Amino acid sequence: MDYDKAILRALYRAGEEGLSVGCTTHRVFNSLNDFFCPLSYEEVYRYVSRYLVHNSHNPDSLIEKTAQRGVYHLNFHSSETQQLMLQFDDDEEDETDAEAEDTQNQPSLFD
């Protein structure tokens, strides 16, 4: 998963309230950082802040700035956002289906 997709996923989960740059950075950092490829928090923060500022200038873009300073959310009036939301919904359904199958295939301790 790359930074852009992780940013959009974090904003999607936040809903209309949106997330501040710091909260978005924390979520992206936690979702992408792993033991074998550690990330620098400062590098992730710089990328997230540049991405949000750059992609919120155009009124038709995926990301909108809210009334609060430094808080961004998805532009729900954009057709691209509607398509993105459908993709994220499908991804989450696939994850829950896979988890349900894993639990069904495991032997029960009480049988």
N, C-alpha and C. Protein backbone atom coordinates (compact mmCIF):
# COMPACT_ATOMS: atom_id res chain seq x y z
N MET A 1 0.84 -1.16 0.00
CA MET A 1 0.00 0.00 0.00
C MET A 1 0.90 1.24 0.00
N ASP A 2 0.58 2.19 -0.82
CA ASP A 2 1.40 3.40 -0.89
C ASP A 2 0.79 4.52 -0.05
N TYR A 3 1.52 5.59 0.08
CA TYR A 3 1.09 6.72 0.90
C TYR A 3 -0.27 7.28 0.47
N ASP A 4 -0.44 7.50 -0.83
CA ASP A 4 -1.67 8.11 -1.32
C ASP A 4 -2.89 7.30 -0.92
N LYS A 5 -2.82 6.01 -1.14
CA LYS A 5 -3.95 5.14 -0.82
C LYS A 5 -4.20 5.11 0.69
N ALA A 6 -3.14 5.11 1.48
CA ALA A 6 -3.29 5.11 2.94
C ALA A 6 -3.92 6.42 3.41
N ILE A 7 -3.56 7.54 2.80
CA ILE A 7 -4.14 8.83 3.16
C ILE A 7 -5.63 8.84 2.84
N LEU A 8 -5.98 8.39 1.65
CA LEU A 8 -7.38 8.38 1.25
C LEU A 8 -8.20 7.43 2.11
N ARG A 9 -7.62 6.28 2.47
CA ARG A 9 -8.32 5.33 3.33
C ARG A 9 -8.57 5.94 4.72
N ALA A 10 -7.59 6.65 5.26
CA ALA A 10 -7.75 7.29 6.57
C ALA A 10 -8.85 8.36 6.52
N LEU A 11 -8.86 9.15 5.46
CA LEU A 11 -9.89 10.18 5.32
C LEU A 11 -11.27 9.57 5.09
N TYR A 12 -11.31 8.45 4.38
CA TYR A 12 -12.58 7.76 4.15
C TYR A 12 -13.16 7.26 5.48
N ARG A 13 -12.32 6.68 6.31
CA ARG A 13 -12.78 6.17 7.60
C ARG A 13 -13.17 7.29 8.55
N ALA A 14 -12.59 8.47 8.38
CA ALA A 14 -12.92 9.61 9.25
C ALA A 14 -14.30 10.18 8.93
N GLY A 15 -14.74 10.04 7.71
CA GLY A 15 -16.05 10.55 7.33
C GLY A 15 -16.05 12.04 7.08
N GLU A 16 -17.22 12.64 7.28
CA GLU A 16 -17.39 14.06 6.97
C GLU A 16 -16.66 14.98 7.95
N GLU A 17 -16.40 14.50 9.16
CA GLU A 17 -15.70 15.33 10.13
C GLU A 17 -14.26 15.59 9.70
N GLY A 18 -13.66 14.63 9.02
CA GLY A 18 -12.30 14.77 8.55
C GLY A 18 -11.28 14.52 9.63
N LEU A 19 -10.02 14.69 9.26
CA LEU A 19 -8.90 14.49 10.17
C LEU A 19 -7.92 15.64 10.03
N SER A 20 -7.23 15.92 11.11
CA SER A 20 -6.17 16.91 11.04
C SER A 20 -4.96 16.27 10.35
N VAL A 21 -4.02 17.10 9.97
CA VAL A 21 -2.82 16.61 9.31
C VAL A 21 -2.07 15.65 10.25
N GLY A 22 -2.00 15.99 11.52
CA GLY A 22 -1.31 15.14 12.50
C GLY A 22 -1.96 13.78 12.66
N CYS A 23 -3.28 13.76 12.79
CA CYS A 23 -4.00 12.48 12.93
C CYS A 23 -3.87 11.63 11.67
N THR A 24 -3.96 12.28 10.53
CA THR A 24 -3.80 11.56 9.27
C THR A 24 -2.40 10.97 9.19
N THR A 25 -1.41 11.73 9.59
CA THR A 25 -0.03 11.24 9.57
C THR A 25 0.13 10.04 10.49
N HIS A 26 -0.44 10.10 11.68
CA HIS A 26 -0.35 8.97 12.61
C HIS A 26 -0.96 7.71 12.00
N ARG A 27 -2.11 7.86 11.37
CA ARG A 27 -2.77 6.68 10.78
C ARG A 27 -1.98 6.11 9.61
N VAL A 28 -1.44 6.99 8.77
CA VAL A 28 -0.64 6.53 7.65
C VAL A 28 0.64 5.87 8.15
N PHE A 29 1.30 6.49 9.10
CA PHE A 29 2.53 5.95 9.66
C PHE A 29 2.28 4.57 10.27
N ASN A 30 1.22 4.43 11.05
CA ASN A 30 0.92 3.15 11.69
C ASN A 30 0.53 2.08 10.68
N SER A 31 -0.13 2.45 9.60
CA SER A 31 -0.55 1.44 8.64
C SER A 31 0.59 0.99 7.72
N LEU A 32 1.58 1.83 7.50
CA LEU A 32 2.65 1.48 6.56
C LEU A 32 3.97 1.08 7.21
N ASN A 33 4.15 1.43 8.45
CA ASN A 33 5.41 1.14 9.12
C ASN A 33 5.46 -0.33 9.52
N ASP A 34 6.56 -0.98 9.26
CA ASP A 34 6.72 -2.35 9.73
C ASP A 34 8.15 -2.58 10.21
N PHE A 35 8.38 -3.75 10.74
CA PHE A 35 9.65 -4.07 11.39
C PHE A 35 10.82 -4.07 10.41
N PHE A 36 10.58 -4.53 9.19
CA PHE A 36 11.67 -4.69 8.23
C PHE A 36 11.92 -3.45 7.37
N CYS A 37 10.93 -2.59 7.25
CA CYS A 37 11.09 -1.34 6.50
C CYS A 37 10.59 -0.18 7.35
N PRO A 38 11.35 0.22 8.36
CA PRO A 38 10.89 1.31 9.22
C PRO A 38 10.84 2.64 8.47
N LEU A 39 9.84 3.44 8.81
CA LEU A 39 9.66 4.74 8.19
C LEU A 39 10.04 5.84 9.17
N SER A 40 10.42 6.95 8.64
CA SER A 40 10.68 8.13 9.45
C SER A 40 9.37 8.90 9.60
N TYR A 41 8.98 9.19 10.84
CA TYR A 41 7.72 9.91 11.07
C TYR A 41 7.75 11.29 10.41
N GLU A 42 8.89 11.97 10.47
CA GLU A 42 9.00 13.30 9.87
C GLU A 42 8.81 13.25 8.36
N GLU A 43 9.35 12.21 7.73
CA GLU A 43 9.20 12.05 6.29
C GLU A 43 7.73 11.81 5.92
N VAL A 44 7.06 10.98 6.69
CA VAL A 44 5.64 10.71 6.44
C VAL A 44 4.83 11.99 6.66
N TYR A 45 5.14 12.75 7.71
CA TYR A 45 4.43 14.00 7.98
C TYR A 45 4.59 14.99 6.82
N ARG A 46 5.81 15.14 6.34
CA ARG A 46 6.04 16.06 5.21
C ARG A 46 5.24 15.64 3.99
N TYR A 47 5.23 14.32 3.69
CA TYR A 47 4.51 13.84 2.51
C TYR A 47 3.01 14.07 2.68
N VAL A 48 2.47 13.71 3.83
CA VAL A 48 1.03 13.85 4.07
C VAL A 48 0.61 15.31 3.99
N SER A 49 1.35 16.20 4.62
CA SER A 49 0.97 17.62 4.60
C SER A 49 1.04 18.19 3.19
N ARG A 50 2.09 17.85 2.44
CA ARG A 50 2.18 18.33 1.05
C ARG A 50 1.06 17.77 0.20
N TYR A 51 0.76 16.48 0.38
CA TYR A 51 -0.29 15.84 -0.41
C TYR A 51 -1.65 16.49 -0.14
N LEU A 52 -1.96 16.72 1.12
CA LEU A 52 -3.26 17.30 1.48
C LEU A 52 -3.39 18.73 0.97
N VAL A 53 -2.35 19.53 1.15
CA VAL A 53 -2.40 20.91 0.69
C VAL A 53 -2.49 20.97 -0.84
N HIS A 54 -1.69 20.18 -1.51
CA HIS A 54 -1.66 20.20 -2.96
C HIS A 54 -2.98 19.71 -3.57
N ASN A 55 -3.57 18.69 -2.98
CA ASN A 55 -4.78 18.10 -3.55
C ASN A 55 -6.08 18.70 -3.03
N SER A 56 -6.01 19.76 -2.26
CA SER A 56 -7.23 20.40 -1.78
C SER A 56 -7.49 21.76 -2.42
N HIS A 57 -6.62 22.21 -3.30
CA HIS A 57 -6.79 23.52 -3.92
C HIS A 57 -7.91 23.54 -4.95
N ASN A 58 -8.01 22.51 -5.75
CA ASN A 58 -9.01 22.44 -6.80
C ASN A 58 -10.36 22.06 -6.21
N PRO A 59 -11.44 22.77 -6.53
CA PRO A 59 -12.75 22.44 -5.97
C PRO A 59 -13.28 21.07 -6.40
N ASP A 60 -12.77 20.52 -7.50
CA ASP A 60 -13.23 19.22 -7.98
C ASP A 60 -12.33 18.07 -7.54
N SER A 61 -11.37 18.33 -6.67
CA SER A 61 -10.43 17.29 -6.27
C SER A 61 -11.06 16.34 -5.25
N LEU A 62 -10.35 15.27 -4.94
CA LEU A 62 -10.83 14.27 -4.00
C LEU A 62 -10.89 14.79 -2.56
N ILE A 63 -10.06 15.75 -2.24
CA ILE A 63 -9.90 16.19 -0.86
C ILE A 63 -10.35 17.64 -0.73
N GLU A 64 -11.05 17.93 0.38
CA GLU A 64 -11.50 19.28 0.67
C GLU A 64 -10.99 19.71 2.04
N LYS A 65 -10.71 20.98 2.17
CA LYS A 65 -10.35 21.53 3.47
C LYS A 65 -11.65 21.90 4.19
N THR A 66 -11.72 21.58 5.48
CA THR A 66 -12.92 21.91 6.25
C THR A 66 -12.81 23.32 6.80
N ALA A 67 -13.82 23.73 7.55
CA ALA A 67 -13.82 25.07 8.15
C ALA A 67 -12.75 25.19 9.23
N GLN A 68 -12.40 24.07 9.85
CA GLN A 68 -11.35 24.10 10.86
C GLN A 68 -9.98 24.17 10.21
N ARG A 69 -9.07 24.84 10.87
CA ARG A 69 -7.72 25.00 10.34
C ARG A 69 -6.97 23.66 10.40
N GLY A 70 -6.42 23.23 9.27
CA GLY A 70 -5.59 22.03 9.22
C GLY A 70 -6.36 20.72 9.21
N VAL A 71 -7.67 20.77 8.97
CA VAL A 71 -8.48 19.56 8.94
C VAL A 71 -9.00 19.36 7.52
N TYR A 72 -8.87 18.13 7.04
CA TYR A 72 -9.27 17.79 5.68
C TYR A 72 -10.21 16.60 5.69
N HIS A 73 -11.07 16.53 4.66
CA HIS A 73 -11.93 15.37 4.48
C HIS A 73 -12.12 15.13 2.98
N LEU A 74 -12.71 13.99 2.66
CA LEU A 74 -12.96 13.69 1.25
C LEU A 74 -14.06 14.60 0.72
N ASN A 75 -13.95 14.98 -0.52
CA ASN A 75 -14.96 15.79 -1.20
C ASN A 75 -16.07 14.84 -1.66
N PHE A 76 -17.15 14.79 -0.91
CA PHE A 76 -18.21 13.82 -1.19
C PHE A 76 -19.07 14.20 -2.38
N HIS A 77 -18.85 15.36 -2.97
CA HIS A 77 -19.60 15.79 -4.15
C HIS A 77 -18.88 15.41 -5.45
N SER A 78 -17.70 14.90 -5.33
CA SER A 78 -16.90 14.52 -6.49
C SER A 78 -17.27 13.11 -6.94
N SER A 79 -17.34 12.91 -8.25
CA SER A 79 -17.65 11.57 -8.78
C SER A 79 -16.49 10.61 -8.51
N GLU A 80 -15.27 11.12 -8.49
CA GLU A 80 -14.11 10.28 -8.19
C GLU A 80 -14.20 9.74 -6.76
N THR A 81 -14.67 10.57 -5.85
CA THR A 81 -14.81 10.14 -4.46
C THR A 81 -15.87 9.06 -4.33
N GLN A 82 -16.96 9.20 -5.07
CA GLN A 82 -18.00 8.17 -5.03
C GLN A 82 -17.45 6.83 -5.48
N GLN A 83 -16.65 6.82 -6.53
CA GLN A 83 -16.04 5.58 -7.02
C GLN A 83 -15.05 5.04 -5.99
N LEU A 84 -14.29 5.92 -5.39
CA LEU A 84 -13.32 5.52 -4.37
C LEU A 84 -14.01 4.89 -3.17
N MET A 85 -15.13 5.46 -2.76
CA MET A 85 -15.88 4.91 -1.64
C MET A 85 -16.40 3.51 -1.95
N LEU A 86 -16.82 3.28 -3.17
CA LEU A 86 -17.27 1.94 -3.56
C LEU A 86 -16.11 0.95 -3.49
N GLN A 87 -14.94 1.36 -3.92
CA GLN A 87 -13.77 0.48 -3.86
C GLN A 87 -13.40 0.15 -2.42
N PHE A 88 -13.42 1.14 -1.54
CA PHE A 88 -13.08 0.90 -0.13
C PHE A 88 -14.12 0.00 0.53
N ASP A 89 -15.41 0.20 0.18
CA ASP A 89 -16.46 -0.66 0.73
C ASP A 89 -16.24 -2.11 0.31
N ASP A 90 -15.87 -2.32 -0.96
CA ASP A 90 -15.61 -3.67 -1.46
C ASP A 90 -14.41 -4.29 -0.76
N ASP A 91 -13.36 -3.51 -0.54
CA ASP A 91 -12.17 -4.01 0.15
C ASP A 91 -12.49 -4.44 1.58
N GLU A 92 -13.29 -3.64 2.27
CA GLU A 92 -13.64 -3.98 3.65
C GLU A 92 -14.52 -5.21 3.72
N GLU A 93 -15.43 -5.38 2.75
CA GLU A 93 -16.28 -6.58 2.72
C GLU A 93 -15.43 -7.82 2.46
N ASP A 94 -14.45 -7.71 1.57
CA ASP A 94 -13.56 -8.83 1.29
C ASP A 94 -12.77 -9.22 2.52
N GLU A 95 -12.30 -8.24 3.29
CA GLU A 95 -11.53 -8.51 4.50
C GLU A 95 -12.39 -9.22 5.55
N THR A 96 -13.64 -8.78 5.72
CA THR A 96 -14.51 -9.42 6.71
C THR A 96 -14.91 -10.81 6.27
N ASP A 97 -15.10 -11.03 4.97
CA ASP A 97 -15.40 -12.37 4.46
C ASP A 97 -14.24 -13.32 4.70
N ALA A 98 -13.02 -12.85 4.47
CA ALA A 98 -11.83 -13.68 4.68
C ALA A 98 -11.67 -14.02 6.16
N GLU A 99 -11.94 -13.06 7.04
CA GLU A 99 -11.85 -13.32 8.48
C GLU A 99 -12.90 -14.32 8.92
N ALA A 100 -14.11 -14.22 8.36
CA ALA A 100 -15.18 -15.15 8.72
C ALA A 100 -14.84 -16.57 8.26
N GLU A 101 -14.25 -16.71 7.08
CA GLU A 101 -13.85 -18.02 6.59
C GLU A 101 -12.75 -18.62 7.46
N ASP A 102 -11.81 -17.79 7.91
CA ASP A 102 -10.74 -18.27 8.76
C ASP A 102 -11.28 -18.82 10.08
N THR A 103 -12.24 -18.12 10.65
CA THR A 103 -12.79 -18.59 11.92
C THR A 103 -13.66 -19.82 11.74
N GLN A 104 -14.30 -19.98 10.60
CA GLN A 104 -15.14 -21.16 10.36
C GLN A 104 -14.29 -22.40 10.13
N ASN A 105 -13.13 -22.27 9.57
CA ASN A 105 -12.27 -23.41 9.25
C ASN A 105 -11.45 -23.89 10.44
N GLN A 106 -11.42 -23.13 11.51
CA GLN A 106 -10.64 -23.52 12.67
C GLN A 106 -11.43 -24.51 13.51
N PRO A 107 -10.74 -25.51 14.05
CA PRO A 107 -11.46 -26.47 14.89
C PRO A 107 -11.89 -25.82 16.20
N SER A 108 -13.01 -26.24 16.69
CA SER A 108 -13.55 -25.69 17.91
C SER A 108 -13.03 -26.46 19.12
N LEU A 109 -12.81 -25.77 20.20
CA LEU A 109 -12.36 -26.42 21.43
C LEU A 109 -13.50 -27.13 22.15
N PHE A 110 -14.72 -26.78 21.80
CA PHE A 110 -15.86 -27.29 22.54
C PHE A 110 -16.62 -28.40 21.84
N ASP A 111 -16.11 -28.90 20.73
CA ASP A 111 -16.78 -30.01 20.01
C ASP A 111 -16.42 -31.35 20.60
